[in-house]
N, C-alpha and C. Protein backbone atom coordinates (compact mmCIF):
# COMPACT_ATOMS: atom_id res chain seq x y z
N MET A 1 63.93 36.16 -6.22
CA MET A 1 63.62 35.77 -7.59
C MET A 1 62.09 35.85 -7.81
N THR A 2 61.73 36.06 -9.09
CA THR A 2 60.36 36.18 -9.39
C THR A 2 59.99 35.11 -10.42
N LEU A 3 58.77 34.41 -10.25
CA LEU A 3 58.25 33.58 -11.26
C LEU A 3 57.61 34.46 -12.33
N LEU A 4 57.95 34.18 -13.54
CA LEU A 4 57.46 34.95 -14.69
C LEU A 4 56.32 34.25 -15.31
N LYS A 5 55.41 34.97 -15.97
CA LYS A 5 54.30 34.42 -16.67
C LYS A 5 54.69 33.86 -18.04
N ILE A 6 54.36 32.63 -18.30
CA ILE A 6 54.73 31.97 -19.52
C ILE A 6 53.71 32.24 -20.60
N ALA A 7 54.14 32.80 -21.75
CA ALA A 7 53.20 33.09 -22.82
C ALA A 7 52.69 31.80 -23.44
N GLN A 8 51.48 31.82 -23.90
CA GLN A 8 50.76 30.66 -24.44
C GLN A 8 50.58 30.87 -25.91
N ILE A 9 50.54 29.71 -26.64
CA ILE A 9 50.36 29.76 -28.11
C ILE A 9 49.26 30.76 -28.42
N GLY A 10 49.47 31.57 -29.46
CA GLY A 10 48.58 32.66 -29.85
C GLY A 10 49.01 33.99 -29.42
N HIS A 11 49.88 34.06 -28.46
CA HIS A 11 50.44 35.42 -28.06
C HIS A 11 51.50 35.85 -29.07
N PRO A 12 51.43 37.10 -29.56
CA PRO A 12 52.29 37.52 -30.64
C PRO A 12 53.81 37.52 -30.29
N VAL A 13 54.14 37.52 -28.96
CA VAL A 13 55.61 37.53 -28.59
C VAL A 13 56.19 36.22 -29.11
N LEU A 14 55.43 35.09 -29.16
CA LEU A 14 55.94 33.87 -29.51
C LEU A 14 56.16 33.65 -31.07
N ARG A 15 55.75 34.69 -31.80
CA ARG A 15 55.81 34.62 -33.25
C ARG A 15 56.81 35.69 -33.83
N SER A 16 57.50 36.35 -32.99
CA SER A 16 58.43 37.35 -33.47
C SER A 16 59.90 36.95 -33.15
N ARG A 17 60.87 37.42 -33.99
CA ARG A 17 62.25 37.08 -33.77
C ARG A 17 62.75 37.98 -32.62
N ALA A 18 63.39 37.40 -31.65
CA ALA A 18 63.96 38.07 -30.50
C ALA A 18 65.21 38.86 -30.99
N ARG A 19 65.54 39.94 -30.32
CA ARG A 19 66.72 40.72 -30.72
C ARG A 19 67.90 40.28 -30.05
N GLU A 20 69.07 40.54 -30.66
CA GLU A 20 70.38 40.23 -30.14
C GLU A 20 70.51 41.02 -28.80
N VAL A 21 71.30 40.47 -27.90
CA VAL A 21 71.60 41.11 -26.59
C VAL A 21 73.08 41.73 -26.76
N GLU A 22 73.20 43.01 -26.38
CA GLU A 22 74.48 43.64 -26.44
C GLU A 22 75.36 43.27 -25.20
N ARG A 23 76.54 43.22 -25.36
CA ARG A 23 77.53 42.78 -24.34
C ARG A 23 77.32 43.63 -23.07
N ASP A 24 77.28 45.01 -23.20
CA ASP A 24 77.14 45.83 -22.01
C ASP A 24 75.77 45.61 -21.37
N GLU A 25 74.75 45.35 -22.21
CA GLU A 25 73.41 45.16 -21.66
C GLU A 25 73.38 43.87 -20.83
N LEU A 26 74.13 42.79 -21.29
CA LEU A 26 74.14 41.56 -20.56
C LEU A 26 74.68 41.73 -19.18
N ALA A 27 75.69 42.57 -19.03
CA ALA A 27 76.35 42.91 -17.74
C ALA A 27 75.53 43.56 -16.78
N THR A 28 74.36 44.11 -17.14
CA THR A 28 73.59 44.91 -16.19
C THR A 28 72.93 44.04 -15.16
N ALA A 29 72.70 44.56 -13.95
CA ALA A 29 71.98 43.92 -12.87
C ALA A 29 70.59 43.46 -13.36
N GLU A 30 69.89 44.23 -14.13
CA GLU A 30 68.63 44.01 -14.64
C GLU A 30 68.59 42.63 -15.45
N VAL A 31 69.46 42.58 -16.44
CA VAL A 31 69.51 41.36 -17.26
C VAL A 31 69.97 40.10 -16.41
N GLN A 32 70.92 40.34 -15.53
CA GLN A 32 71.40 39.22 -14.64
C GLN A 32 70.20 38.61 -13.83
N ALA A 33 69.43 39.57 -13.26
CA ALA A 33 68.28 39.23 -12.41
C ALA A 33 67.16 38.56 -13.29
N PHE A 34 67.07 38.95 -14.56
CA PHE A 34 66.09 38.32 -15.49
C PHE A 34 66.46 36.91 -15.76
N ILE A 35 67.79 36.67 -15.93
CA ILE A 35 68.23 35.30 -16.16
C ILE A 35 68.00 34.37 -14.95
N ASP A 36 68.16 34.93 -13.80
CA ASP A 36 67.84 34.18 -12.56
C ASP A 36 66.31 33.85 -12.55
N ASP A 37 65.53 34.88 -12.91
CA ASP A 37 64.08 34.60 -12.89
C ASP A 37 63.68 33.57 -13.97
N LEU A 38 64.36 33.63 -15.12
CA LEU A 38 64.11 32.69 -16.24
C LEU A 38 64.36 31.26 -15.76
N VAL A 39 65.49 31.07 -15.07
CA VAL A 39 65.88 29.75 -14.53
C VAL A 39 64.85 29.32 -13.50
N GLU A 40 64.48 30.22 -12.64
CA GLU A 40 63.49 29.82 -11.54
C GLU A 40 62.14 29.44 -12.14
N THR A 41 61.69 30.17 -13.21
CA THR A 41 60.46 29.86 -13.89
C THR A 41 60.53 28.55 -14.54
N MET A 42 61.56 28.32 -15.27
CA MET A 42 61.76 26.94 -15.95
C MET A 42 61.67 25.91 -14.94
N ARG A 43 62.42 25.99 -13.86
CA ARG A 43 62.45 24.90 -12.83
C ARG A 43 61.03 24.74 -12.19
N ASP A 44 60.30 25.79 -11.90
CA ASP A 44 59.05 25.75 -11.29
C ASP A 44 58.04 25.02 -12.15
N ALA A 45 58.18 25.23 -13.56
CA ALA A 45 57.27 24.58 -14.48
C ALA A 45 57.75 23.21 -14.96
N ASN A 46 58.83 22.68 -14.34
CA ASN A 46 59.44 21.38 -14.78
C ASN A 46 59.75 21.37 -16.27
N GLY A 47 60.21 22.46 -16.77
CA GLY A 47 60.67 22.52 -18.16
C GLY A 47 62.02 21.98 -18.33
N ALA A 48 62.35 21.60 -19.58
CA ALA A 48 63.70 21.20 -19.89
C ALA A 48 64.46 22.36 -20.36
N GLY A 49 63.78 23.41 -20.72
CA GLY A 49 64.40 24.63 -21.24
C GLY A 49 63.29 25.76 -21.28
N LEU A 50 63.75 26.98 -21.39
CA LEU A 50 62.85 28.10 -21.47
C LEU A 50 63.60 29.25 -22.22
N ALA A 51 62.92 29.80 -23.21
CA ALA A 51 63.48 30.93 -23.93
C ALA A 51 62.87 32.25 -23.43
N ALA A 52 63.65 33.36 -23.51
CA ALA A 52 63.18 34.55 -22.97
C ALA A 52 61.87 35.02 -23.61
N THR A 53 61.70 34.70 -24.89
CA THR A 53 60.45 35.04 -25.59
C THR A 53 59.25 34.45 -24.91
N GLN A 54 59.46 33.22 -24.34
CA GLN A 54 58.28 32.57 -23.68
C GLN A 54 57.78 33.28 -22.40
N VAL A 55 58.60 34.13 -21.87
CA VAL A 55 58.23 34.91 -20.72
C VAL A 55 58.14 36.39 -21.06
N HIS A 56 57.76 36.60 -22.39
CA HIS A 56 57.36 37.99 -22.82
C HIS A 56 58.60 38.93 -22.99
N VAL A 57 59.87 38.37 -23.03
CA VAL A 57 61.02 39.25 -23.17
C VAL A 57 61.72 38.91 -24.48
N PRO A 58 61.64 39.74 -25.47
CA PRO A 58 62.08 39.47 -26.80
C PRO A 58 63.65 39.61 -26.94
N LYS A 59 64.37 38.91 -26.15
CA LYS A 59 65.81 38.95 -26.16
C LYS A 59 66.28 37.52 -26.39
N ARG A 60 67.43 37.46 -27.06
CA ARG A 60 68.00 36.13 -27.45
C ARG A 60 68.74 35.45 -26.29
N ILE A 61 67.98 34.89 -25.33
CA ILE A 61 68.52 34.26 -24.15
C ILE A 61 67.70 32.95 -23.92
N VAL A 62 68.40 31.82 -23.68
CA VAL A 62 67.70 30.63 -23.35
C VAL A 62 68.37 30.02 -22.05
N ALA A 63 67.59 29.29 -21.34
CA ALA A 63 67.99 28.51 -20.24
C ALA A 63 67.69 27.09 -20.48
N ILE A 64 68.53 26.15 -20.18
CA ILE A 64 68.28 24.74 -20.44
C ILE A 64 68.83 24.02 -19.25
N GLU A 65 68.04 22.99 -18.77
CA GLU A 65 68.53 22.16 -17.62
C GLU A 65 67.58 20.97 -17.54
N VAL A 66 68.22 19.87 -17.44
CA VAL A 66 67.40 18.58 -17.16
C VAL A 66 68.08 17.91 -16.03
N LYS A 67 67.34 17.68 -14.95
CA LYS A 67 67.92 17.05 -13.80
C LYS A 67 66.79 16.04 -13.23
N ASP A 68 66.85 14.90 -13.78
CA ASP A 68 65.86 13.90 -13.44
C ASP A 68 64.40 14.49 -13.49
N ASN A 69 64.20 15.05 -14.68
CA ASN A 69 62.95 15.82 -14.85
C ASN A 69 61.73 14.77 -14.92
N PRO A 70 60.76 14.88 -14.11
CA PRO A 70 59.62 14.01 -14.13
C PRO A 70 58.79 13.99 -15.38
N ARG A 71 58.83 15.17 -16.14
CA ARG A 71 58.11 15.23 -17.45
C ARG A 71 58.82 14.42 -18.45
N TYR A 72 60.11 14.24 -18.36
CA TYR A 72 61.04 13.69 -19.42
C TYR A 72 61.91 12.66 -18.81
N PRO A 73 61.44 11.52 -18.25
CA PRO A 73 62.36 10.63 -17.51
C PRO A 73 63.34 9.96 -18.41
N TYR A 74 63.11 9.96 -19.70
CA TYR A 74 64.02 9.36 -20.73
C TYR A 74 65.08 10.32 -21.21
N LYS A 75 65.07 11.60 -20.82
CA LYS A 75 66.08 12.54 -21.29
C LYS A 75 67.35 12.50 -20.43
N PRO A 76 68.43 12.53 -21.02
CA PRO A 76 69.66 12.60 -20.28
C PRO A 76 69.78 14.00 -19.52
N ASN A 77 70.37 13.96 -18.40
CA ASN A 77 70.53 15.19 -17.65
C ASN A 77 71.41 16.19 -18.38
N ILE A 78 71.06 17.48 -18.27
CA ILE A 78 71.82 18.52 -18.87
C ILE A 78 72.09 19.51 -17.70
N PRO A 79 73.38 19.89 -17.39
CA PRO A 79 73.62 20.88 -16.37
C PRO A 79 72.95 22.19 -16.81
N LEU A 80 72.68 22.97 -15.80
CA LEU A 80 72.10 24.34 -16.09
C LEU A 80 72.98 25.05 -17.06
N THR A 81 72.42 25.46 -18.17
CA THR A 81 73.13 26.07 -19.24
C THR A 81 72.42 27.32 -19.74
N ILE A 82 73.07 28.47 -19.76
CA ILE A 82 72.52 29.72 -20.19
C ILE A 82 73.23 30.08 -21.48
N VAL A 83 72.50 30.32 -22.57
CA VAL A 83 73.22 30.76 -23.78
C VAL A 83 72.55 32.02 -24.24
N VAL A 84 73.41 33.04 -24.48
CA VAL A 84 72.92 34.37 -24.98
C VAL A 84 73.33 34.47 -26.46
N ASN A 85 72.42 34.86 -27.25
CA ASN A 85 72.58 35.06 -28.67
C ASN A 85 73.07 33.71 -29.32
N PRO A 86 72.33 32.66 -29.04
CA PRO A 86 72.70 31.34 -29.46
C PRO A 86 72.53 31.14 -30.91
N VAL A 87 73.46 30.39 -31.57
CA VAL A 87 73.35 29.94 -32.97
C VAL A 87 73.52 28.48 -33.01
N VAL A 88 72.61 27.77 -33.68
CA VAL A 88 72.68 26.35 -33.78
C VAL A 88 73.02 25.99 -35.22
N GLU A 89 74.09 25.08 -35.32
CA GLU A 89 74.62 24.66 -36.63
C GLU A 89 74.58 23.23 -36.66
N PRO A 90 73.81 22.64 -37.62
CA PRO A 90 73.77 21.17 -37.73
C PRO A 90 75.12 20.59 -38.12
N LEU A 91 75.52 19.44 -37.50
CA LEU A 91 76.84 18.85 -37.80
C LEU A 91 76.67 17.61 -38.58
N THR A 92 75.40 17.19 -38.82
CA THR A 92 75.13 16.00 -39.54
C THR A 92 73.82 16.16 -40.25
N GLU A 93 73.58 15.34 -41.23
CA GLU A 93 72.24 15.32 -41.94
C GLU A 93 71.31 14.33 -41.21
N GLU A 94 71.87 13.54 -40.28
CA GLU A 94 71.01 12.62 -39.54
C GLU A 94 70.00 13.32 -38.75
N ARG A 95 68.77 12.86 -38.80
CA ARG A 95 67.68 13.43 -37.97
C ARG A 95 67.00 12.32 -37.20
N PHE A 96 66.36 12.71 -36.14
CA PHE A 96 65.60 11.72 -35.40
C PHE A 96 64.29 12.31 -35.04
N ASP A 97 63.23 11.40 -34.91
CA ASP A 97 61.90 11.87 -34.59
C ASP A 97 61.80 12.00 -33.05
N ASN A 98 61.48 13.18 -32.60
CA ASN A 98 61.45 13.48 -31.22
C ASN A 98 60.03 13.89 -30.88
N ASN A 99 59.41 13.23 -29.84
CA ASN A 99 58.09 13.57 -29.45
C ASN A 99 58.20 14.77 -28.46
N GLU A 100 57.81 15.94 -28.90
CA GLU A 100 58.02 17.17 -28.10
C GLU A 100 56.72 17.72 -27.61
N GLY A 101 56.93 18.42 -26.51
CA GLY A 101 55.90 19.28 -25.85
C GLY A 101 56.49 20.62 -25.58
N CYS A 102 55.71 21.48 -25.01
CA CYS A 102 56.20 22.84 -24.79
C CYS A 102 55.41 23.58 -23.68
N LEU A 103 56.15 24.30 -22.90
CA LEU A 103 55.37 25.03 -21.85
C LEU A 103 54.52 26.16 -22.38
N SER A 104 54.78 26.58 -23.62
CA SER A 104 53.85 27.56 -24.23
C SER A 104 52.78 26.92 -25.06
N VAL A 105 52.80 25.63 -25.13
CA VAL A 105 51.71 24.96 -25.86
C VAL A 105 51.24 23.80 -24.96
N PRO A 106 50.50 24.20 -23.92
CA PRO A 106 50.13 23.31 -22.83
C PRO A 106 49.37 22.11 -23.30
N ASN A 107 49.71 20.92 -22.68
CA ASN A 107 48.94 19.69 -22.88
C ASN A 107 48.94 19.23 -24.29
N LEU A 108 49.95 19.47 -25.06
CA LEU A 108 50.02 18.98 -26.45
C LEU A 108 51.41 18.46 -26.77
N ARG A 109 51.49 17.38 -27.48
CA ARG A 109 52.75 16.80 -27.88
C ARG A 109 52.68 16.41 -29.39
N GLY A 110 53.80 16.32 -30.07
CA GLY A 110 53.80 15.97 -31.42
C GLY A 110 55.24 15.49 -31.86
N MET A 111 55.32 14.86 -32.95
CA MET A 111 56.62 14.33 -33.41
C MET A 111 57.24 15.40 -34.36
N VAL A 112 58.52 15.64 -34.03
CA VAL A 112 59.26 16.67 -34.71
C VAL A 112 60.58 16.02 -35.13
N ALA A 113 61.08 16.20 -36.34
CA ALA A 113 62.35 15.75 -36.83
C ALA A 113 63.40 16.78 -36.44
N ARG A 114 64.44 16.36 -35.74
CA ARG A 114 65.48 17.27 -35.24
C ARG A 114 66.85 16.67 -35.72
N PHE A 115 67.75 17.54 -35.89
CA PHE A 115 69.14 17.08 -36.23
C PHE A 115 69.73 16.29 -35.06
N ALA A 116 70.44 15.29 -35.35
CA ALA A 116 71.01 14.44 -34.27
C ALA A 116 72.18 15.01 -33.62
N GLU A 117 72.90 15.90 -34.28
CA GLU A 117 74.10 16.54 -33.71
C GLU A 117 74.25 17.99 -34.17
N VAL A 118 74.43 18.84 -33.21
CA VAL A 118 74.54 20.27 -33.58
C VAL A 118 75.64 20.96 -32.81
N ARG A 119 76.18 22.05 -33.27
CA ARG A 119 77.07 22.88 -32.51
C ARG A 119 76.24 24.11 -32.14
N VAL A 120 76.37 24.43 -30.85
CA VAL A 120 75.70 25.67 -30.29
C VAL A 120 76.78 26.66 -29.88
N THR A 121 76.69 27.87 -30.46
CA THR A 121 77.69 28.94 -30.10
C THR A 121 76.87 30.13 -29.60
N GLY A 122 77.52 30.97 -28.88
CA GLY A 122 77.00 32.21 -28.37
C GLY A 122 77.83 32.67 -27.20
N TRP A 123 77.20 33.24 -26.15
CA TRP A 123 77.86 33.69 -24.91
C TRP A 123 77.20 32.97 -23.80
N ASP A 124 78.00 32.80 -22.74
CA ASP A 124 77.39 32.43 -21.48
C ASP A 124 76.76 33.65 -20.79
N ARG A 125 76.24 33.55 -19.64
CA ARG A 125 75.57 34.62 -19.05
C ARG A 125 76.42 35.82 -18.66
N HIS A 126 77.75 35.55 -18.67
CA HIS A 126 78.75 36.62 -18.22
C HIS A 126 79.43 37.20 -19.57
N GLY A 127 78.96 36.76 -20.75
CA GLY A 127 79.54 37.27 -21.94
C GLY A 127 80.79 36.60 -22.47
N ALA A 128 81.18 35.48 -21.77
CA ALA A 128 82.29 34.66 -22.25
C ALA A 128 81.77 33.83 -23.40
N PRO A 129 82.74 33.53 -24.37
CA PRO A 129 82.28 32.65 -25.55
C PRO A 129 81.75 31.29 -25.07
N PHE A 130 80.66 30.86 -25.71
CA PHE A 130 80.11 29.58 -25.35
C PHE A 130 80.09 28.76 -26.66
N GLU A 131 80.56 27.50 -26.55
CA GLU A 131 80.50 26.54 -27.67
C GLU A 131 80.31 25.19 -27.12
N ARG A 132 79.32 24.46 -27.63
CA ARG A 132 79.05 23.14 -27.22
C ARG A 132 78.50 22.30 -28.40
N VAL A 133 79.02 21.11 -28.52
CA VAL A 133 78.49 20.18 -29.42
C VAL A 133 77.43 19.31 -28.62
N ALA A 134 76.23 19.33 -29.16
CA ALA A 134 75.15 18.61 -28.51
C ALA A 134 74.67 17.46 -29.38
N ARG A 135 74.32 16.33 -28.82
CA ARG A 135 73.91 15.15 -29.54
C ARG A 135 72.60 14.64 -29.01
N GLY A 136 71.88 13.92 -29.83
CA GLY A 136 70.69 13.21 -29.39
C GLY A 136 69.59 14.13 -28.90
N LEU A 137 68.95 13.74 -27.75
CA LEU A 137 67.82 14.51 -27.24
C LEU A 137 68.30 15.88 -26.76
N THR A 138 69.58 15.97 -26.32
CA THR A 138 70.07 17.26 -25.89
C THR A 138 70.21 18.16 -27.11
N ALA A 139 70.59 17.67 -28.23
CA ALA A 139 70.57 18.50 -29.48
C ALA A 139 69.16 18.99 -29.80
N GLY A 140 68.21 18.09 -29.61
CA GLY A 140 66.80 18.50 -29.83
C GLY A 140 66.35 19.58 -28.96
N THR A 141 66.73 19.52 -27.65
CA THR A 141 66.35 20.56 -26.71
C THR A 141 66.94 21.94 -27.12
N PHE A 142 68.20 21.98 -27.52
CA PHE A 142 68.80 23.24 -27.99
C PHE A 142 67.99 23.79 -29.19
N GLN A 143 67.72 22.88 -30.12
CA GLN A 143 67.00 23.31 -31.37
C GLN A 143 65.61 23.90 -31.02
N HIS A 144 64.93 23.15 -30.12
CA HIS A 144 63.54 23.64 -29.66
C HIS A 144 63.66 25.05 -29.08
N GLU A 145 64.58 25.23 -28.17
CA GLU A 145 64.64 26.60 -27.44
C GLU A 145 65.11 27.72 -28.46
N VAL A 146 66.09 27.40 -29.32
CA VAL A 146 66.52 28.43 -30.22
C VAL A 146 65.38 28.70 -31.25
N ASP A 147 64.60 27.76 -31.60
CA ASP A 147 63.43 27.99 -32.50
C ASP A 147 62.54 29.10 -31.88
N HIS A 148 62.35 29.02 -30.53
CA HIS A 148 61.50 30.01 -29.85
C HIS A 148 62.08 31.50 -30.12
N LEU A 149 63.33 31.54 -30.17
CA LEU A 149 63.91 32.98 -30.44
C LEU A 149 63.75 33.47 -31.87
N ASP A 150 63.39 32.51 -32.70
CA ASP A 150 63.13 32.83 -34.14
C ASP A 150 61.62 32.90 -34.48
N GLY A 151 60.73 32.86 -33.38
CA GLY A 151 59.35 32.91 -33.59
C GLY A 151 58.72 31.53 -34.01
N LYS A 152 59.32 30.46 -33.81
CA LYS A 152 58.81 29.16 -34.21
C LYS A 152 58.44 28.35 -32.99
N LEU A 153 57.39 27.64 -33.08
CA LEU A 153 56.94 26.65 -31.99
C LEU A 153 57.04 25.22 -32.62
N PHE A 154 57.16 24.26 -31.72
CA PHE A 154 57.33 22.92 -32.19
C PHE A 154 56.12 22.48 -33.12
N VAL A 155 54.96 23.00 -32.99
CA VAL A 155 53.78 22.66 -33.80
C VAL A 155 54.06 23.06 -35.25
N ASP A 156 54.88 24.06 -35.46
CA ASP A 156 55.24 24.50 -36.85
C ASP A 156 56.12 23.44 -37.56
N ARG A 157 56.79 22.57 -36.73
CA ARG A 157 57.73 21.62 -37.33
C ARG A 157 57.07 20.22 -37.39
N VAL A 158 55.86 20.00 -36.83
CA VAL A 158 55.23 18.72 -36.93
C VAL A 158 54.80 18.57 -38.36
N THR A 159 55.37 17.52 -38.97
CA THR A 159 54.93 17.33 -40.41
C THR A 159 53.76 16.39 -40.49
N ASP A 160 53.54 15.53 -39.54
CA ASP A 160 52.37 14.57 -39.54
C ASP A 160 51.50 15.00 -38.34
N THR A 161 50.43 15.71 -38.59
CA THR A 161 49.61 16.25 -37.56
C THR A 161 48.83 15.09 -36.85
N SER A 162 48.83 13.84 -37.39
CA SER A 162 48.21 12.72 -36.70
C SER A 162 49.07 12.30 -35.42
N THR A 163 50.29 12.85 -35.31
CA THR A 163 51.07 12.61 -34.07
C THR A 163 50.74 13.50 -32.95
N LEU A 164 49.91 14.49 -33.20
CA LEU A 164 49.58 15.38 -32.09
C LEU A 164 48.67 14.75 -31.15
N CYS A 165 48.92 14.87 -29.87
CA CYS A 165 48.11 14.27 -28.79
C CYS A 165 48.31 15.00 -27.47
N THR A 166 47.42 14.82 -26.56
CA THR A 166 47.53 15.37 -25.29
C THR A 166 48.57 14.58 -24.50
N TRP A 167 48.94 15.18 -23.36
CA TRP A 167 49.98 14.42 -22.49
C TRP A 167 49.32 13.09 -21.97
N ALA A 168 48.05 13.13 -21.59
CA ALA A 168 47.35 11.93 -21.09
C ALA A 168 47.31 10.87 -22.15
N GLU A 169 47.04 11.22 -23.37
CA GLU A 169 46.95 10.19 -24.41
C GLU A 169 48.30 9.78 -24.90
N PHE A 170 49.30 10.60 -24.85
CA PHE A 170 50.67 10.22 -25.07
C PHE A 170 51.09 9.15 -24.09
N ASP A 171 50.87 9.44 -22.77
CA ASP A 171 51.18 8.48 -21.74
C ASP A 171 50.42 7.15 -21.97
N ARG A 172 49.27 7.26 -22.31
CA ARG A 172 48.38 5.99 -22.37
C ARG A 172 48.67 5.24 -23.72
N PHE A 173 48.91 5.86 -24.80
CA PHE A 173 48.97 5.15 -26.09
C PHE A 173 50.35 5.16 -26.75
N HIS A 174 51.16 6.19 -26.47
CA HIS A 174 52.38 6.36 -27.27
C HIS A 174 53.71 6.34 -26.53
N LYS A 175 53.59 6.60 -25.23
CA LYS A 175 54.94 6.74 -24.51
C LYS A 175 55.76 5.47 -24.52
N GLN A 176 55.14 4.36 -24.30
CA GLN A 176 55.98 3.16 -24.20
C GLN A 176 56.68 2.87 -25.57
N ALA A 177 56.03 3.00 -26.73
CA ALA A 177 56.74 2.84 -27.98
C ALA A 177 57.77 3.87 -28.17
N PHE A 178 57.46 5.19 -27.79
CA PHE A 178 58.49 6.15 -27.94
C PHE A 178 59.70 5.87 -27.10
N VAL A 179 59.56 5.57 -25.82
CA VAL A 179 60.65 5.27 -24.93
C VAL A 179 61.44 4.06 -25.44
N GLU A 180 60.77 3.00 -25.89
CA GLU A 180 61.41 1.84 -26.46
C GLU A 180 62.32 2.22 -27.73
N ARG A 181 61.89 3.19 -28.42
CA ARG A 181 62.65 3.63 -29.60
C ARG A 181 63.72 4.66 -29.17
N ILE A 182 63.47 5.52 -28.26
CA ILE A 182 64.41 6.54 -28.04
C ILE A 182 65.52 6.18 -27.06
N VAL A 183 65.24 5.31 -26.07
CA VAL A 183 66.31 4.88 -25.18
C VAL A 183 67.54 4.33 -25.91
N PRO A 184 67.42 3.48 -26.92
CA PRO A 184 68.57 2.99 -27.67
C PRO A 184 69.31 4.16 -28.35
N PHE A 185 68.43 5.12 -28.96
CA PHE A 185 69.07 6.29 -29.54
C PHE A 185 69.86 7.10 -28.61
N VAL A 186 69.27 7.34 -27.37
CA VAL A 186 70.05 8.06 -26.37
C VAL A 186 71.28 7.32 -25.98
N LYS A 187 71.31 6.03 -25.87
CA LYS A 187 72.52 5.28 -25.53
C LYS A 187 73.57 5.41 -26.68
N ARG A 188 73.10 5.38 -27.93
CA ARG A 188 74.03 5.51 -29.05
C ARG A 188 74.55 6.94 -29.19
N MET A 189 73.78 7.96 -28.97
CA MET A 189 74.19 9.32 -29.13
C MET A 189 74.71 9.93 -27.91
N GLY A 190 74.39 9.43 -26.75
CA GLY A 190 74.75 10.11 -25.56
C GLY A 190 73.92 11.33 -25.28
N GLY A 191 74.32 12.19 -24.28
CA GLY A 191 73.59 13.41 -23.97
C GLY A 191 73.67 14.42 -25.04
């Protein structure tokens, strides 16, 4: 497997809509190897997810996994999930404020309103139908990654720019209050 270079904010690949993946293309050894590399890169960077566009590949593929992630100790675990051509559909009007960061926007966090419950559809890595209802922080993770495929970054969704901060200042001044607020939400919503 190969670790891929993660595009940083300002790179044009992060601002363009990724193209749909064809079923016969998905079955190729090249695309399957790319998915393995995407997962390895996400894990190496301690990310909760990674979209293909973030590694300079404009295809509609995302990888998501949370397994006792040190960057997000308050996030519920999510088993490794690959979604090809994902579509996110809100199932509720309820939103929650999520303090987000991004591997493509290093050392910056900010508050983003996300839908509390969504349905995610698409294909798995083998082309079989994928459908999952995601709630709480897991729903936020899916929305964040699919945004990447549409050329959006979390900073585009921050409505109050005074919530922007570095990781160090988040840990120092904001993390405790965020965790105190988000842990009961996680318990209520589940993964």
